[in-house]
């Protein structure tokens, strides 16, 4: 069975996640999440807080996607790994 994503590609995705600023990343949109200032992505919380990310030219949907990717991609990678292990047990 040929994999759509190779193990090397999955490792590269995982490596990029590991190098990114700690999460969670939270999208803040003026008028939706706060009342003054610009739209931004807050990185980390409390003592693990990183620099805010401000995007220019991005739609609100783009910003929400980018912010959620910090949490979503590691979850997807874990699910892929779990499914691959299950397939090895079955086959």
PDB file of N, CA and C in Angstrom:
ATOM      1  N   UNK A   1       0.844  -1.175   0.000  1.00  0.00           N
ATOM      2  CA  UNK A   1       0.000   0.000   0.000  1.00  0.00           C
ATOM      3  C   UNK A   1       0.896   1.247   0.000  1.00  0.00           C
ATOM      4  N   UNK A   2       0.744   2.094  -1.028  1.00  0.00           N
ATOM      5  CA  UNK A   2       1.563   3.302  -1.141  1.00  0.00           C
ATOM      6  C   UNK A   2       0.968   4.416  -0.289  1.00  0.00           C
ATOM      7  N   UNK A   3       1.827   5.063   0.479  1.00  0.00           N
ATOM      8  CA  UNK A   3       1.414   6.168   1.326  1.00  0.00           C
ATOM      9  C   UNK A   3       1.379   7.461   0.519  1.00  0.00           C
ATOM     10  N   UNK A   4       0.364   8.278   0.750  1.00  0.00           N
ATOM     11  CA  UNK A   4       0.307   9.583   0.097  1.00  0.00           C
ATOM     12  C   UNK A   4       1.408  10.477   0.656  1.00  0.00           C
ATOM     13  N   UNK A   5       1.615  10.417   1.961  1.00  0.00           N
ATOM     14  CA  UNK A   5       2.710  11.134   2.610  1.00  0.00           C
ATOM     15  C   UNK A   5       3.783  10.126   2.992  1.00  0.00           C
ATOM     16  N   UNK A   6       4.994  10.392   2.589  1.00  0.00           N
ATOM     17  CA  UNK A   6       6.075   9.486   2.966  1.00  0.00           C
ATOM     18  C   UNK A   6       6.452   9.734   4.425  1.00  0.00           C
ATOM     19  N   UNK A   7       7.157   8.779   5.004  1.00  0.00           N
ATOM     20  CA  UNK A   7       7.640   8.968   6.371  1.00  0.00           C
ATOM     21  C   UNK A   7       8.549  10.192   6.458  1.00  0.00           C
ATOM     22  N   UNK A   8       9.346  10.431   5.415  1.00  0.00           N
ATOM     23  CA  UNK A   8      10.229  11.596   5.396  1.00  0.00           C
ATOM     24  C   UNK A   8       9.417  12.896   5.384  1.00  0.00           C
ATOM     25  N   UNK A   9       8.357  12.931   4.593  1.00  0.00           N
ATOM     26  CA  UNK A   9       7.510  14.126   4.555  1.00  0.00           C
ATOM     27  C   UNK A   9       6.839  14.369   5.906  1.00  0.00           C
ATOM     28  N   UNK A  10       6.369  13.311   6.533  1.00  0.00           N
ATOM     29  CA  UNK A  10       5.762  13.448   7.860  1.00  0.00           C
ATOM     30  C   UNK A  10       6.780  13.958   8.875  1.00  0.00           C
ATOM     31  N   UNK A  11       8.024  13.463   8.779  1.00  0.00           N
ATOM     32  CA  UNK A  11       9.081  13.933   9.680  1.00  0.00           C
ATOM     33  C   UNK A  11       9.369  15.411   9.450  1.00  0.00           C
ATOM     34  N   UNK A  12       9.405  15.840   8.198  1.00  0.00           N
ATOM     35  CA  UNK A  12       9.670  17.240   7.886  1.00  0.00           C
ATOM     36  C   UNK A  12       8.558  18.147   8.427  1.00  0.00           C
ATOM     37  N   UNK A  13       7.314  17.704   8.317  1.00  0.00           N
ATOM     38  CA  UNK A  13       6.187  18.464   8.866  1.00  0.00           C
ATOM     39  C   UNK A  13       6.322  18.546  10.383  1.00  0.00           C
ATOM     40  N   UNK A  14       6.635  17.424  10.993  1.00  0.00           N
ATOM     41  CA  UNK A  14       6.809  17.384  12.448  1.00  0.00           C
ATOM     42  C   UNK A  14       7.958  18.284  12.891  1.00  0.00           C
ATOM     43  N   UNK A  15       9.048  18.270  12.155  1.00  0.00           N
ATOM     44  CA  UNK A  15      10.198  19.122  12.485  1.00  0.00           C
ATOM     45  C   UNK A  15       9.823  20.599  12.419  1.00  0.00           C
ATOM     46  N   UNK A  16       9.048  20.982  11.396  1.00  0.00           N
ATOM     47  CA  UNK A  16       8.618  22.378  11.294  1.00  0.00           C
ATOM     48  C   UNK A  16       7.750  22.764  12.486  1.00  0.00           C
ATOM     49  N   UNK A  17       6.883  21.859  12.903  1.00  0.00           N
ATOM     50  CA  UNK A  17       6.042  22.122  14.080  1.00  0.00           C
ATOM     51  C   UNK A  17       6.892  22.293  15.329  1.00  0.00           C
ATOM     52  N   UNK A  18       7.876  21.447  15.481  1.00  0.00           N
ATOM     53  CA  UNK A  18       8.737  21.505  16.667  1.00  0.00           C
ATOM     54  C   UNK A  18       9.525  22.807  16.742  1.00  0.00           C
ATOM     55  N   UNK A  19       9.869  23.363  15.594  1.00  0.00           N
ATOM     56  CA  UNK A  19      10.666  24.584  15.559  1.00  0.00           C
ATOM     57  C   UNK A  19       9.829  25.851  15.712  1.00  0.00           C
ATOM     58  N   UNK A  20       8.534  25.750  15.492  1.00  0.00           N
ATOM     59  CA  UNK A  20       7.666  26.929  15.576  1.00  0.00           C
ATOM     60  C   UNK A  20       7.510  27.364  17.032  1.00  0.00           C
ATOM     61  N   UNK A  21       7.143  28.610  17.229  1.00  0.00           N
ATOM     62  CA  UNK A  21       6.896  29.145  18.559  1.00  0.00           C
ATOM     63  C   UNK A  21       5.851  28.294  19.270  1.00  0.00           C
ATOM     64  N   UNK A  22       6.073  28.090  20.566  1.00  0.00           N
ATOM     65  CA  UNK A  22       5.146  27.276  21.348  1.00  0.00           C
ATOM     66  C   UNK A  22       3.712  27.775  21.224  1.00  0.00           C
ATOM     67  N   UNK A  23       2.799  26.838  21.359  1.00  0.00           N
ATOM     68  CA  UNK A  23       1.381  27.158  21.332  1.00  0.00           C
ATOM     69  C   UNK A  23       0.821  27.240  22.727  1.00  0.00           C
ATOM     70  N   UNK A  24      -0.436  27.407  22.851  1.00  0.00           N
ATOM     71  CA  UNK A  24      -1.363  27.540  21.730  1.00  0.00           C
ATOM     72  C   UNK A  24      -1.220  28.890  21.045  1.00  0.00           C
ATOM     73  N   UNK A  25      -1.638  28.921  19.780  1.00  0.00           N
ATOM     74  CA  UNK A  25      -1.756  30.174  19.062  1.00  0.00           C
ATOM     75  C   UNK A  25      -3.231  30.515  19.025  1.00  0.00           C
ATOM     76  N   UNK A  26      -3.548  31.754  19.313  1.00  0.00           N
ATOM     77  CA  UNK A  26      -4.941  32.176  19.372  1.00  0.00           C
ATOM     78  C   UNK A  26      -5.128  33.383  18.462  1.00  0.00           C
ATOM     79  N   UNK A  27      -6.109  33.296  17.587  1.00  0.00           N
ATOM     80  CA  UNK A  27      -6.415  34.376  16.662  1.00  0.00           C
ATOM     81  C   UNK A  27      -7.298  35.406  17.362  1.00  0.00           C
ATOM     82  N   UNK A  28      -6.866  36.662  17.324  1.00  0.00           N
ATOM     83  CA  UNK A  28      -7.653  37.761  17.870  1.00  0.00           C
ATOM     84  C   UNK A  28      -7.985  38.722  16.740  1.00  0.00           C
ATOM     85  N   UNK A  29      -9.280  38.910  16.523  1.00  0.00           N
ATOM     86  CA  UNK A  29      -9.763  39.781  15.463  1.00  0.00           C
ATOM     87  C   UNK A  29     -10.490  40.961  16.104  1.00  0.00           C
ATOM     88  N   UNK A  30     -10.073  42.164  15.703  1.00  0.00           N
ATOM     89  CA  UNK A  30     -10.716  43.350  16.250  1.00  0.00           C
ATOM     90  C   UNK A  30     -12.201  43.357  15.891  1.00  0.00           C
ATOM     91  N   UNK A  31     -13.033  43.627  16.887  1.00  0.00           N
ATOM     92  CA  UNK A  31     -14.479  43.629  16.688  1.00  0.00           C
ATOM     93  C   UNK A  31     -15.115  42.280  16.955  1.00  0.00           C
ATOM     94  N   UNK A  32     -14.334  41.230  16.880  1.00  0.00           N
ATOM     95  CA  UNK A  32     -14.839  39.887  17.192  1.00  0.00           C
ATOM     96  C   UNK A  32     -14.327  39.425  18.549  1.00  0.00           C
ATOM     97  N   UNK A  33     -13.024  39.617  18.797  1.00  0.00           N
ATOM     98  CA  UNK A  33     -12.397  39.092  20.005  1.00  0.00           C
ATOM     99  C   UNK A  33     -11.904  40.182  20.951  1.00  0.00           C
ATOM    100  N   UNK A  34     -11.749  41.381  20.452  1.00  0.00           N
ATOM    101  CA  UNK A  34     -11.342  42.513  21.282  1.00  0.00           C
ATOM    102  C   UNK A  34     -11.814  43.792  20.590  1.00  0.00           C
ATOM    103  N   UNK A  35     -11.789  44.914  21.332  1.00  0.00           N
ATOM    104  CA  UNK A  35     -12.414  46.123  20.800  1.00  0.00           C
ATOM    105  C   UNK A  35     -11.453  47.182  20.287  1.00  0.00           C
ATOM    106  N   UNK A  36     -10.183  47.048  20.524  1.00  0.00           N
ATOM    107  CA  UNK A  36      -9.280  48.071  19.989  1.00  0.00           C
ATOM    108  C   UNK A  36      -7.958  47.439  19.589  1.00  0.00           C
ATOM    109  N   UNK A  37      -7.337  48.025  18.582  1.00  0.00           N
ATOM    110  CA  UNK A  37      -6.071  47.489  18.096  1.00  0.00           C
ATOM    111  C   UNK A  37      -6.259  46.757  16.790  1.00  0.00           C
ATOM    112  N   UNK A  38      -5.236  46.052  16.391  1.00  0.00           N
ATOM    113  CA  UNK A  38      -5.275  45.341  15.110  1.00  0.00           C
ATOM    114  C   UNK A  38      -5.535  43.853  15.332  1.00  0.00           C
ATOM    115  N   UNK A  39      -5.763  43.166  14.236  1.00  0.00           N
ATOM    116  CA  UNK A  39      -5.869  41.705  14.278  1.00  0.00           C
ATOM    117  C   UNK A  39      -4.475  41.138  14.516  1.00  0.00           C
ATOM    118  N   UNK A  40      -4.390  40.062  15.298  1.00  0.00           N
ATOM    119  CA  UNK A  40      -3.093  39.436  15.551  1.00  0.00           C
ATOM    120  C   UNK A  40      -3.294  38.008  16.029  1.00  0.00           C
ATOM    121  N   UNK A  41      -2.210  37.254  16.032  1.00  0.00           N
ATOM    122  CA  UNK A  41      -2.184  35.905  16.593  1.00  0.00           C
ATOM    123  C   UNK A  41      -1.311  35.952  17.833  1.00  0.00           C
ATOM    124  N   UNK A  42      -1.883  35.590  18.971  1.00  0.00           N
ATOM    125  CA  UNK A  42      -1.116  35.513  20.208  1.00  0.00           C
ATOM    126  C   UNK A  42      -0.473  34.136  20.278  1.00  0.00           C
ATOM    127  N   UNK A  43       0.817  34.102  20.563  1.00  0.00           N
ATOM    128  CA  UNK A  43       1.525  32.826  20.645  1.00  0.00           C
ATOM    129  C   UNK A  43       1.868  32.517  22.094  1.00  0.00           C
ATOM    130  N   UNK A  44       1.549  31.313  22.515  1.00  0.00           N
ATOM    131  CA  UNK A  44       1.856  30.866  23.863  1.00  0.00           C
ATOM    132  C   UNK A  44       0.981  31.543  24.905  1.00  0.00           C
ATOM    133  N   UNK A  45       1.161  31.099  26.131  1.00  0.00           N
ATOM    134  CA  UNK A  45       0.400  31.640  27.251  1.00  0.00           C
ATOM    135  C   UNK A  45       1.326  31.907  28.422  1.00  0.00           C
ATOM    136  N   UNK A  46       0.957  32.866  29.236  1.00  0.00           N
ATOM    137  CA  UNK A  46       1.624  33.150  30.501  1.00  0.00           C
ATOM    138  C   UNK A  46       3.146  33.219  30.350  1.00  0.00           C
ATOM    139  N   UNK A  47       3.877  32.353  31.074  1.00  0.00           N
ATOM    140  CA  UNK A  47       5.341  32.366  31.040  1.00  0.00           C
ATOM    141  C   UNK A  47       5.916  31.866  29.719  1.00  0.00           C
ATOM    142  N   UNK A  48       5.112  31.188  28.905  1.00  0.00           N
ATOM    143  CA  UNK A  48       5.561  30.683  27.601  1.00  0.00           C
ATOM    144  C   UNK A  48       5.099  31.579  26.457  1.00  0.00           C
ATOM    145  N   UNK A  49       4.728  32.811  26.776  1.00  0.00           N
ATOM    146  CA  UNK A  49       4.200  33.727  25.766  1.00  0.00           C
ATOM    147  C   UNK A  49       5.307  34.162  24.822  1.00  0.00           C
ATOM    148  N   UNK A  50       5.029  34.045  23.537  1.00  0.00           N
ATOM    149  CA  UNK A  50       5.963  34.496  22.519  1.00  0.00           C
ATOM    150  C   UNK A  50       5.531  35.843  21.960  1.00  0.00           C
ATOM    151  N   UNK A  51       6.161  36.241  20.891  1.00  0.00           N
ATOM    152  CA  UNK A  51       5.805  37.491  20.218  1.00  0.00           C
ATOM    153  C   UNK A  51       4.471  37.310  19.492  1.00  0.00           C
ATOM    154  N   UNK A  52       3.662  38.357  19.475  1.00  0.00           N
ATOM    155  CA  UNK A  52       2.440  38.327  18.685  1.00  0.00           C
ATOM    156  C   UNK A  52       2.801  38.314  17.205  1.00  0.00           C
ATOM    157  N   UNK A  53       1.952  37.701  16.413  1.00  0.00           N
ATOM    158  CA  UNK A  53       2.140  37.666  14.965  1.00  0.00           C
ATOM    159  C   UNK A  53       1.066  38.546  14.341  1.00  0.00           C
ATOM    160  N   UNK A  54       1.499  39.515  13.560  1.00  0.00           N
ATOM    161  CA  UNK A  54       0.560  40.367  12.831  1.00  0.00           C
ATOM    162  C   UNK A  54       0.708  40.065  11.346  1.00  0.00           C
ATOM    163  N   UNK A  55      -0.411  39.843  10.703  1.00  0.00           N
ATOM    164  CA  UNK A  55      -0.414  39.499   9.287  1.00  0.00           C
ATOM    165  C   UNK A  55      -1.001  40.657   8.485  1.00  0.00           C
ATOM    166  N   UNK A  56      -0.420  40.941   7.359  1.00  0.00           N
ATOM    167  CA  UNK A  56      -0.937  41.976   6.478  1.00  0.00           C
ATOM    168  C   UNK A  56      -1.400  41.317   5.189  1.00  0.00           C
ATOM    169  N   UNK A  57      -2.597  41.630   4.790  1.00  0.00           N
ATOM    170  CA  UNK A  57      -3.144  41.065   3.561  1.00  0.00           C
ATOM    171  C   UNK A  57      -3.886  39.761   3.762  1.00  0.00           C
ATOM    172  N   UNK A  58      -3.899  39.258   4.979  1.00  0.00           N
ATOM    173  CA  UNK A  58      -4.603  38.000   5.261  1.00  0.00           C
ATOM    174  C   UNK A  58      -6.067  38.293   5.581  1.00  0.00           C
ATOM    175  N   UNK A  59      -6.939  37.414   5.163  1.00  0.00           N
ATOM    176  CA  UNK A  59      -8.335  37.520   5.571  1.00  0.00           C
ATOM    177  C   UNK A  59      -8.461  37.000   6.993  1.00  0.00           C
ATOM    178  N   UNK A  60      -9.594  37.259   7.625  1.00  0.00           N
ATOM    179  CA  UNK A  60      -9.851  36.720   8.960  1.00  0.00           C
ATOM    180  C   UNK A  60      -9.796  35.197   8.916  1.00  0.00           C
ATOM    181  N   UNK A  61     -10.357  34.607   7.869  1.00  0.00           N
ATOM    182  CA  UNK A  61     -10.315  33.145   7.739  1.00  0.00           C
ATOM    183  C   UNK A  61      -8.891  32.631   7.605  1.00  0.00           C
ATOM    184  N   UNK A  62      -8.036  33.354   6.860  1.00  0.00           N
ATOM    185  CA  UNK A  62      -6.624  32.971   6.752  1.00  0.00           C
ATOM    186  C   UNK A  62      -5.958  33.011   8.120  1.00  0.00           C
ATOM    187  N   UNK A  63      -6.188  34.093   8.860  1.00  0.00           N
ATOM    188  CA  UNK A  63      -5.576  34.246  10.185  1.00  0.00           C
ATOM    189  C   UNK A  63      -6.041  33.142  11.126  1.00  0.00           C
ATOM    190  N   UNK A  64      -7.344  32.846  11.123  1.00  0.00           N
ATOM    191  CA  UNK A  64      -7.857  31.773  11.979  1.00  0.00           C
ATOM    192  C   UNK A  64      -7.227  30.435  11.606  1.00  0.00           C
ATOM    193  N   UNK A  65      -7.077  30.180  10.301  1.00  0.00           N
ATOM    194  CA  UNK A  65      -6.465  28.939   9.833  1.00  0.00           C
ATOM    195  C   UNK A  65      -5.021  28.819  10.324  1.00  0.00           C
ATOM    196  N   UNK A  66      -4.253  29.884  10.157  1.00  0.00           N
ATOM    197  CA  UNK A  66      -2.844  29.868  10.575  1.00  0.00           C
ATOM    198  C   UNK A  66      -2.736  29.647  12.075  1.00  0.00           C
ATOM    199  N   UNK A  67      -3.550  30.354  12.848  1.00  0.00           N
ATOM    200  CA  UNK A  67      -3.501  30.214  14.306  1.00  0.00           C
ATOM    201  C   UNK A  67      -3.878  28.790  14.725  1.00  0.00           C
ATOM    202  N   UNK A  68      -4.926  28.249  14.145  1.00  0.00           N
ATOM    203  CA  UNK A  68      -5.357  26.898  14.518  1.00  0.00           C
ATOM    204  C   UNK A  68      -4.387  25.823  14.045  1.00  0.00           C
ATOM    205  N   UNK A  69      -3.647  26.099  12.976  1.00  0.00           N
ATOM    206  CA  UNK A  69      -2.695  25.107  12.463  1.00  0.00           C
ATOM    207  C   UNK A  69      -1.673  24.712  13.523  1.00  0.00           C
ATOM    208  N   UNK A  70      -1.306  25.644  14.423  1.00  0.00           N
ATOM    209  CA  UNK A  70      -0.315  25.341  15.466  1.00  0.00           C
ATOM    210  C   UNK A  70      -0.792  24.216  16.364  1.00  0.00           C
ATOM    211  N   UNK A  71      -2.085  24.132  16.588  1.00  0.00           N
ATOM    212  CA  UNK A  71      -2.654  23.061  17.402  1.00  0.00           C
ATOM    213  C   UNK A  71      -3.107  21.884  16.534  1.00  0.00           C
ATOM    214  N   UNK A  72      -3.665  22.187  15.351  1.00  0.00           N
ATOM    215  CA  UNK A  72      -4.252  21.144  14.502  1.00  0.00           C
ATOM    216  C   UNK A  72      -3.214  20.204  13.894  1.00  0.00           C
ATOM    217  N   UNK A  73      -2.106  20.740  13.418  1.00  0.00           N
ATOM    218  CA  UNK A  73      -1.122  19.891  12.725  1.00  0.00           C
ATOM    219  C   UNK A  73      -0.515  18.846  13.657  1.00  0.00           C
ATOM    220  N   UNK A  74      -0.084  19.191  14.879  1.00  0.00           N
ATOM    221  CA  UNK A  74       0.409  18.132  15.761  1.00  0.00           C
ATOM    222  C   UNK A  74      -0.643  17.056  16.059  1.00  0.00           C
ATOM    223  N   UNK A  75      -1.904  17.459  16.192  1.00  0.00           N
ATOM    224  CA  UNK A  75      -2.979  16.476  16.414  1.00  0.00           C
ATOM    225  C   UNK A  75      -3.142  15.569  15.198  1.00  0.00           C
ATOM    226  N   UNK A  76      -3.100  16.153  14.012  1.00  0.00           N
ATOM    227  CA  UNK A  76      -3.214  15.351  12.794  1.00  0.00           C
ATOM    228  C   UNK A  76      -2.038  14.395  12.641  1.00  0.00           C
ATOM    229  N   UNK A  77      -0.837  14.870  12.951  1.00  0.00           N
ATOM    230  CA  UNK A  77       0.331  13.984  12.884  1.00  0.00           C
ATOM    231  C   UNK A  77       0.202  12.815  13.857  1.00  0.00           C
ATOM    232  N   UNK A  78      -0.285  13.090  15.059  1.00  0.00           N
ATOM    233  CA  UNK A  78      -0.480  12.016  16.047  1.00  0.00           C
ATOM    234  C   UNK A  78      -1.527  11.018  15.560  1.00  0.00           C
ATOM    235  N   UNK A  79      -2.584  11.509  14.949  1.00  0.00           N
ATOM    236  CA  UNK A  79      -3.630  10.623  14.418  1.00  0.00           C
ATOM    237  C   UNK A  79      -3.088   9.765  13.282  1.00  0.00           C
ATOM    238  N   UNK A  80      -2.294  10.362  12.399  1.00  0.00           N
ATOM    239  CA  UNK A  80      -1.687   9.610  11.299  1.00  0.00           C
ATOM    240  C   UNK A  80      -0.792   8.506  11.855  1.00  0.00           C
ATOM    241  N   UNK A  81       0.026   8.848  12.836  1.00  0.00           N
ATOM    242  CA  UNK A  81       0.921   7.856  13.446  1.00  0.00           C
ATOM    243  C   UNK A  81       0.122   6.717  14.069  1.00  0.00           C
ATOM    244  N   UNK A  82      -0.950   7.057  14.765  1.00  0.00           N
ATOM    245  CA  UNK A  82      -1.803   6.039  15.383  1.00  0.00           C
ATOM    246  C   UNK A  82      -2.427   5.131  14.327  1.00  0.00           C
ATOM    247  N   UNK A  83      -2.937   5.713  13.266  1.00  0.00           N
ATOM    248  CA  UNK A  83      -3.547   4.921  12.209  1.00  0.00           C
ATOM    249  C   UNK A  83      -2.526   4.033  11.502  1.00  0.00           C
ATOM    250  N   UNK A  84      -1.319   4.555  11.283  1.00  0.00           N
ATOM    251  CA  UNK A  84      -0.285   3.755  10.649  1.00  0.00           C
ATOM    252  C   UNK A  84       0.080   2.555  11.519  1.00  0.00           C
ATOM    253  N   UNK A  85       0.134   2.753  12.841  1.00  0.00           N
ATOM    254  CA  UNK A  85       0.414   1.635  13.759  1.00  0.00           C
ATOM    255  C   UNK A  85      -0.707   0.615  13.695  1.00  0.00           C
ATOM    256  N   UNK A  86      -1.949   1.082  13.640  1.00  0.00           N
ATOM    257  CA  UNK A  86      -3.077   0.169  13.575  1.00  0.00           C
ATOM    258  C   UNK A  86      -3.037  -0.648  12.284  1.00  0.00           C
ATOM    259  N   UNK A  87      -2.676  -0.006  11.190  1.00  0.00           N
ATOM    260  CA  UNK A  87      -2.575  -0.724   9.908  1.00  0.00           C
ATOM    261  C   UNK A  87      -1.498  -1.788   9.949  1.00  0.00           C
ATOM    262  N   UNK A  88      -0.393  -1.514  10.623  1.00  0.00           N
ATOM    263  CA  UNK A  88       0.682  -2.505  10.732  1.00  0.00           C
ATOM    264  C   UNK A  88       0.214  -3.700  11.554  1.00  0.00           C
ATOM    265  N   UNK A  89      -0.572  -3.467  12.572  1.00  0.00           N
ATOM    266  CA  UNK A  89      -1.096  -4.560  13.409  1.00  0.00           C
ATOM    267  C   UNK A  89      -2.064  -5.421  12.600  1.00  0.00           C
ATOM    268  N   UNK A  90      -2.894  -4.791  11.790  1.00  0.00           N
ATOM    269  CA  UNK A  90      -3.898  -5.508  11.010  1.00  0.00           C
ATOM    270  C   UNK A  90      -3.270  -6.295   9.869  1.00  0.00           C
ATOM    271  N   UNK A  91      -2.262  -5.724   9.210  1.00  0.00           N
ATOM    272  CA  UNK A  91      -1.715  -6.376   8.018  1.00  0.00           C
ATOM    273  C   UNK A  91      -0.645  -7.367   8.329  1.00  0.00           C
TER     274      UNK A  91
END
